[in-house]
């Protein structure tokens, strides 16, 4: 089994870009689809610990913009961010790429992904 896992949503352009990069560079990976498989709560805890909830919550995306002001204002710490991300996987910045259980990058970052290829 691959030790590289890319988490995201298949129709997301950033995820498509990252998956294309991984394929072109011969990186063997498993894709975890949030829509079909859900957000793994244990991995979310590890990501929050590793990179911080502020990095994971995509405040630029359409999902965030659709939330009402009270929902947005309620995201103030790791616990509130985790609850929001578990309930709305689309608000997680994508993709989250891990190798051997450690976050390599959040979003598409060719320089960070290069350690995999």
N, C-alpha and C. Protein backbone atom coordinates (compact mmCIF):
# COMPACT_ATOMS: atom_id res chain seq x y z
N UNK A 1 0.84 -1.20 0.00
CA UNK A 1 0.00 0.00 0.00
C UNK A 1 0.88 1.25 0.00
N UNK A 2 0.39 2.26 -0.67
CA UNK A 2 1.12 3.52 -0.78
C UNK A 2 1.19 4.23 0.56
N UNK A 3 2.31 4.87 0.82
CA UNK A 3 2.41 5.66 2.04
C UNK A 3 2.04 7.11 1.77
N UNK A 4 1.80 7.45 0.48
CA UNK A 4 1.37 8.80 0.12
C UNK A 4 -0.14 8.78 -0.08
N UNK A 5 -0.81 9.71 0.59
CA UNK A 5 -2.26 9.82 0.45
C UNK A 5 -2.59 11.27 0.13
N UNK A 6 -3.41 11.46 -0.89
CA UNK A 6 -3.92 12.79 -1.24
C UNK A 6 -5.40 12.81 -0.86
N UNK A 7 -5.77 13.77 -0.04
CA UNK A 7 -7.15 13.91 0.42
C UNK A 7 -7.78 15.09 -0.30
N UNK A 8 -9.02 14.91 -0.76
CA UNK A 8 -9.68 16.03 -1.41
C UNK A 8 -10.98 15.62 -2.08
N UNK A 9 -11.36 16.43 -3.05
CA UNK A 9 -12.59 16.25 -3.80
C UNK A 9 -12.18 16.14 -5.27
N UNK A 10 -12.59 15.08 -5.98
CA UNK A 10 -12.08 14.85 -7.33
C UNK A 10 -12.34 15.96 -8.35
N UNK A 11 -13.44 16.69 -8.22
CA UNK A 11 -13.74 17.72 -9.21
C UNK A 11 -13.13 19.09 -8.89
N UNK A 12 -12.38 19.18 -7.81
CA UNK A 12 -11.70 20.43 -7.43
C UNK A 12 -10.51 20.64 -8.36
N UNK A 13 -10.40 21.82 -8.95
CA UNK A 13 -9.31 22.11 -9.89
C UNK A 13 -7.94 21.99 -9.25
N UNK A 14 -7.79 22.41 -8.00
CA UNK A 14 -6.51 22.33 -7.33
C UNK A 14 -6.13 20.88 -7.07
N UNK A 15 -7.10 20.07 -6.73
CA UNK A 15 -6.86 18.64 -6.52
C UNK A 15 -6.47 17.99 -7.85
N UNK A 16 -7.17 18.35 -8.92
CA UNK A 16 -6.83 17.80 -10.24
C UNK A 16 -5.39 18.15 -10.61
N UNK A 17 -5.01 19.38 -10.36
CA UNK A 17 -3.65 19.84 -10.66
C UNK A 17 -2.62 19.03 -9.88
N UNK A 18 -2.88 18.84 -8.59
CA UNK A 18 -1.95 18.08 -7.74
C UNK A 18 -1.88 16.62 -8.17
N UNK A 19 -3.02 16.03 -8.49
CA UNK A 19 -3.03 14.62 -8.90
C UNK A 19 -2.29 14.44 -10.24
N UNK A 20 -2.47 15.39 -11.14
CA UNK A 20 -1.75 15.35 -12.41
C UNK A 20 -0.25 15.44 -12.16
N UNK A 21 0.15 16.33 -11.27
CA UNK A 21 1.58 16.48 -10.95
C UNK A 21 2.12 15.17 -10.37
N UNK A 22 1.40 14.59 -9.42
CA UNK A 22 1.83 13.33 -8.81
C UNK A 22 1.96 12.23 -9.86
N UNK A 23 0.96 12.13 -10.75
CA UNK A 23 1.00 11.12 -11.81
C UNK A 23 2.19 11.33 -12.74
N UNK A 24 2.40 12.58 -13.16
CA UNK A 24 3.48 12.90 -14.09
C UNK A 24 4.86 12.63 -13.48
N UNK A 25 4.96 12.70 -12.15
CA UNK A 25 6.23 12.49 -11.48
C UNK A 25 6.37 11.07 -10.92
N UNK A 26 5.45 10.21 -11.30
CA UNK A 26 5.54 8.80 -10.93
C UNK A 26 5.35 8.52 -9.45
N UNK A 27 4.67 9.41 -8.76
CA UNK A 27 4.43 9.19 -7.33
C UNK A 27 3.22 8.26 -7.17
N UNK A 28 3.44 7.15 -6.50
CA UNK A 28 2.36 6.21 -6.22
C UNK A 28 1.63 6.72 -4.98
N UNK A 29 0.32 6.91 -5.11
CA UNK A 29 -0.45 7.46 -4.00
C UNK A 29 -1.86 6.89 -4.00
N UNK A 30 -2.51 7.06 -2.89
CA UNK A 30 -3.91 6.70 -2.75
C UNK A 30 -4.69 8.00 -2.68
N UNK A 31 -5.85 8.03 -3.34
CA UNK A 31 -6.70 9.22 -3.26
C UNK A 31 -7.85 8.95 -2.31
N UNK A 32 -8.04 9.84 -1.35
CA UNK A 32 -9.14 9.74 -0.39
C UNK A 32 -10.16 10.82 -0.75
N UNK A 33 -11.32 10.41 -1.19
CA UNK A 33 -12.38 11.32 -1.63
C UNK A 33 -13.29 11.68 -0.45
N UNK A 34 -13.23 12.95 -0.04
CA UNK A 34 -14.06 13.42 1.07
C UNK A 34 -15.54 13.17 0.83
N UNK A 35 -15.98 13.34 -0.41
CA UNK A 35 -17.41 13.21 -0.71
C UNK A 35 -17.90 11.77 -0.54
N UNK A 36 -17.06 10.81 -0.92
CA UNK A 36 -17.46 9.41 -0.83
C UNK A 36 -17.05 8.75 0.48
N UNK A 37 -15.88 9.15 1.02
CA UNK A 37 -15.33 8.47 2.18
C UNK A 37 -15.38 9.29 3.46
N UNK A 38 -15.79 10.55 3.35
CA UNK A 38 -15.85 11.41 4.51
C UNK A 38 -14.48 11.92 4.93
N UNK A 39 -14.48 12.79 5.90
CA UNK A 39 -13.23 13.34 6.44
C UNK A 39 -12.83 12.47 7.62
N UNK A 40 -11.65 11.87 7.57
CA UNK A 40 -11.23 11.03 8.69
C UNK A 40 -10.88 11.91 9.91
N UNK A 41 -11.69 11.80 10.95
CA UNK A 41 -11.53 12.66 12.13
C UNK A 41 -10.14 12.53 12.76
N UNK A 42 -9.59 11.32 12.78
CA UNK A 42 -8.27 11.14 13.38
C UNK A 42 -7.19 11.86 12.57
N UNK A 43 -7.33 11.83 11.23
CA UNK A 43 -6.36 12.53 10.39
C UNK A 43 -6.53 14.04 10.56
N UNK A 44 -7.76 14.50 10.67
CA UNK A 44 -8.03 15.92 10.85
C UNK A 44 -7.36 16.42 12.13
N UNK A 45 -7.43 15.64 13.19
CA UNK A 45 -6.74 16.00 14.44
C UNK A 45 -5.23 16.12 14.21
N UNK A 46 -4.67 15.17 13.47
CA UNK A 46 -3.23 15.19 13.19
C UNK A 46 -2.85 16.40 12.33
N UNK A 47 -3.71 16.73 11.37
CA UNK A 47 -3.43 17.88 10.50
C UNK A 47 -3.47 19.19 11.30
N UNK A 48 -4.46 19.30 12.16
CA UNK A 48 -4.58 20.50 12.99
C UNK A 48 -3.33 20.64 13.86
N UNK A 49 -2.89 19.54 14.43
CA UNK A 49 -1.69 19.56 15.26
C UNK A 49 -0.45 19.92 14.44
N UNK A 50 -0.38 19.41 13.22
CA UNK A 50 0.80 19.61 12.37
C UNK A 50 0.87 20.99 11.73
N UNK A 51 -0.22 21.43 11.09
CA UNK A 51 -0.16 22.69 10.33
C UNK A 51 -1.04 23.80 10.89
N UNK A 52 -1.94 23.44 11.82
CA UNK A 52 -2.83 24.44 12.42
C UNK A 52 -4.15 24.55 11.67
N UNK A 53 -5.19 24.80 12.42
CA UNK A 53 -6.53 24.88 11.82
C UNK A 53 -6.65 26.06 10.86
N UNK A 54 -5.89 27.12 11.10
CA UNK A 54 -5.96 28.32 10.27
C UNK A 54 -5.56 28.01 8.83
N UNK A 55 -4.60 27.10 8.65
CA UNK A 55 -4.14 26.70 7.31
C UNK A 55 -5.19 25.84 6.62
N UNK A 56 -5.87 25.01 7.39
CA UNK A 56 -6.81 24.04 6.83
C UNK A 56 -8.15 24.65 6.41
N UNK A 57 -8.60 25.68 7.11
CA UNK A 57 -9.88 26.29 6.76
C UNK A 57 -9.67 27.22 5.56
N UNK A 58 -10.31 26.87 4.46
CA UNK A 58 -10.18 27.65 3.24
C UNK A 58 -11.16 28.82 3.25
N UNK A 59 -10.67 29.97 3.66
CA UNK A 59 -11.52 31.16 3.75
C UNK A 59 -11.67 31.87 2.40
N UNK A 60 -11.00 31.37 1.36
CA UNK A 60 -11.11 31.96 0.04
C UNK A 60 -12.13 31.23 -0.84
N UNK A 61 -12.53 30.05 -0.44
CA UNK A 61 -13.40 29.22 -1.27
C UNK A 61 -14.86 29.61 -1.25
N UNK A 62 -15.60 29.07 -2.21
CA UNK A 62 -17.03 29.37 -2.30
C UNK A 62 -17.80 28.81 -1.11
N UNK A 63 -17.36 27.69 -0.56
CA UNK A 63 -18.07 27.11 0.59
C UNK A 63 -18.04 28.08 1.75
N UNK A 64 -16.87 28.64 2.05
CA UNK A 64 -16.75 29.60 3.15
C UNK A 64 -17.63 30.82 2.90
N UNK A 65 -17.61 31.32 1.68
CA UNK A 65 -18.37 32.53 1.36
C UNK A 65 -19.87 32.33 1.50
N UNK A 66 -20.33 31.08 1.37
CA UNK A 66 -21.76 30.79 1.50
C UNK A 66 -22.24 30.75 2.95
N UNK A 67 -21.31 30.60 3.88
CA UNK A 67 -21.71 30.56 5.30
C UNK A 67 -22.22 31.93 5.74
N UNK A 68 -23.15 31.90 6.69
CA UNK A 68 -23.61 33.18 7.24
C UNK A 68 -22.54 33.74 8.19
N UNK A 69 -22.69 35.00 8.50
CA UNK A 69 -21.68 35.68 9.32
C UNK A 69 -21.50 35.03 10.69
N UNK A 70 -22.59 34.53 11.27
CA UNK A 70 -22.50 33.89 12.58
C UNK A 70 -21.65 32.62 12.52
N UNK A 71 -21.81 31.85 11.47
CA UNK A 71 -21.01 30.63 11.30
C UNK A 71 -19.54 30.99 11.16
N UNK A 72 -19.26 31.98 10.31
CA UNK A 72 -17.87 32.41 10.11
C UNK A 72 -17.26 32.92 11.42
N UNK A 73 -18.02 33.72 12.14
CA UNK A 73 -17.53 34.29 13.39
C UNK A 73 -17.32 33.23 14.46
N UNK A 74 -18.02 32.10 14.32
CA UNK A 74 -17.91 31.02 15.31
C UNK A 74 -16.66 30.18 15.18
N UNK A 75 -15.91 30.37 14.11
CA UNK A 75 -14.68 29.59 13.91
C UNK A 75 -13.53 30.38 14.53
N UNK A 76 -13.23 30.04 15.78
CA UNK A 76 -12.26 30.83 16.55
C UNK A 76 -11.10 30.01 17.12
N UNK A 77 -11.22 28.68 17.04
CA UNK A 77 -10.17 27.84 17.61
C UNK A 77 -10.21 26.47 16.93
N UNK A 78 -9.31 25.60 17.35
CA UNK A 78 -9.20 24.28 16.72
C UNK A 78 -10.49 23.48 16.84
N UNK A 79 -11.14 23.54 17.99
CA UNK A 79 -12.36 22.75 18.20
C UNK A 79 -13.49 23.22 17.28
N UNK A 80 -13.70 24.53 17.19
CA UNK A 80 -14.77 25.03 16.34
C UNK A 80 -14.44 24.81 14.86
N UNK A 81 -13.18 24.94 14.50
CA UNK A 81 -12.77 24.70 13.12
C UNK A 81 -12.96 23.23 12.76
N UNK A 82 -12.59 22.34 13.67
CA UNK A 82 -12.74 20.90 13.42
C UNK A 82 -14.21 20.55 13.21
N UNK A 83 -15.08 21.07 14.05
CA UNK A 83 -16.51 20.78 13.92
C UNK A 83 -17.02 21.24 12.55
N UNK A 84 -16.61 22.42 12.13
CA UNK A 84 -17.03 22.94 10.83
C UNK A 84 -16.49 22.07 9.70
N UNK A 85 -15.21 21.69 9.78
CA UNK A 85 -14.60 20.88 8.71
C UNK A 85 -15.21 19.49 8.63
N UNK A 86 -15.56 18.90 9.77
CA UNK A 86 -16.20 17.58 9.76
C UNK A 86 -17.60 17.66 9.15
N UNK A 87 -18.29 18.75 9.41
CA UNK A 87 -19.65 18.92 8.89
C UNK A 87 -19.66 19.37 7.43
N UNK A 88 -18.60 20.05 7.00
CA UNK A 88 -18.53 20.62 5.65
C UNK A 88 -17.15 20.38 5.07
N UNK A 89 -16.93 19.19 4.53
CA UNK A 89 -15.61 18.83 4.01
C UNK A 89 -15.10 19.82 2.96
N UNK A 90 -16.01 20.45 2.25
CA UNK A 90 -15.61 21.37 1.18
C UNK A 90 -14.90 22.62 1.69
N UNK A 91 -14.96 22.87 2.98
CA UNK A 91 -14.29 24.06 3.53
C UNK A 91 -12.81 23.78 3.84
N UNK A 92 -12.39 22.53 3.72
CA UNK A 92 -10.98 22.19 3.97
C UNK A 92 -10.17 22.54 2.73
N UNK A 93 -9.09 23.27 2.92
CA UNK A 93 -8.21 23.61 1.80
C UNK A 93 -7.68 22.31 1.20
N UNK A 94 -7.68 22.24 -0.13
CA UNK A 94 -7.36 21.00 -0.81
C UNK A 94 -6.23 21.18 -1.80
N UNK A 95 -5.57 20.04 -2.06
CA UNK A 95 -5.61 18.78 -1.32
C UNK A 95 -4.73 18.86 -0.08
N UNK A 96 -4.94 17.90 0.81
CA UNK A 96 -4.00 17.67 1.90
C UNK A 96 -3.23 16.42 1.46
N UNK A 97 -1.92 16.55 1.34
CA UNK A 97 -1.10 15.42 0.89
C UNK A 97 -0.21 14.99 2.05
N UNK A 98 -0.27 13.70 2.36
CA UNK A 98 0.52 13.12 3.45
C UNK A 98 1.48 12.07 2.89
N UNK A 99 2.59 11.93 3.57
CA UNK A 99 3.49 10.80 3.31
C UNK A 99 3.79 10.19 4.67
N UNK A 100 3.55 8.90 4.79
CA UNK A 100 3.77 8.17 6.04
C UNK A 100 3.11 8.87 7.23
N UNK A 101 1.89 9.39 7.00
CA UNK A 101 1.13 10.01 8.07
C UNK A 101 1.52 11.42 8.43
N UNK A 102 2.46 12.01 7.71
CA UNK A 102 2.90 13.39 7.97
C UNK A 102 2.46 14.28 6.82
N UNK A 103 1.96 15.48 7.14
CA UNK A 103 1.51 16.40 6.10
C UNK A 103 2.71 16.91 5.30
N UNK A 104 2.63 16.74 3.98
CA UNK A 104 3.66 17.26 3.07
C UNK A 104 3.25 18.65 2.62
N UNK A 105 1.97 18.80 2.24
CA UNK A 105 1.48 20.13 1.87
C UNK A 105 -0.03 20.19 1.95
N UNK A 106 -0.53 21.42 2.05
CA UNK A 106 -1.96 21.71 2.01
C UNK A 106 -2.14 22.66 0.84
N UNK A 107 -2.96 22.26 -0.13
CA UNK A 107 -3.07 23.02 -1.37
C UNK A 107 -2.01 22.52 -2.34
N UNK A 108 -1.98 23.08 -3.53
CA UNK A 108 -1.00 22.64 -4.51
C UNK A 108 0.26 23.48 -4.36
N UNK A 109 1.36 22.81 -4.04
CA UNK A 109 2.66 23.47 -3.88
C UNK A 109 3.71 22.55 -4.50
N UNK A 110 4.11 22.88 -5.72
CA UNK A 110 5.03 22.05 -6.47
C UNK A 110 6.35 21.82 -5.71
N UNK A 111 6.85 22.85 -5.07
CA UNK A 111 8.12 22.73 -4.34
C UNK A 111 8.00 21.72 -3.19
N UNK A 112 6.88 21.76 -2.49
CA UNK A 112 6.69 20.83 -1.37
C UNK A 112 6.43 19.41 -1.88
N UNK A 113 5.69 19.30 -2.98
CA UNK A 113 5.41 17.97 -3.54
C UNK A 113 6.67 17.34 -4.11
N UNK A 114 7.64 18.15 -4.50
CA UNK A 114 8.86 17.64 -5.11
C UNK A 114 9.60 16.64 -4.22
N UNK A 115 9.41 16.72 -2.91
CA UNK A 115 10.06 15.76 -2.01
C UNK A 115 9.52 14.34 -2.24
N UNK A 116 8.35 14.25 -2.87
CA UNK A 116 7.74 12.95 -3.13
C UNK A 116 8.24 12.33 -4.43
N UNK A 117 8.62 13.20 -5.38
CA UNK A 117 8.98 12.72 -6.72
C UNK A 117 10.44 12.53 -6.81
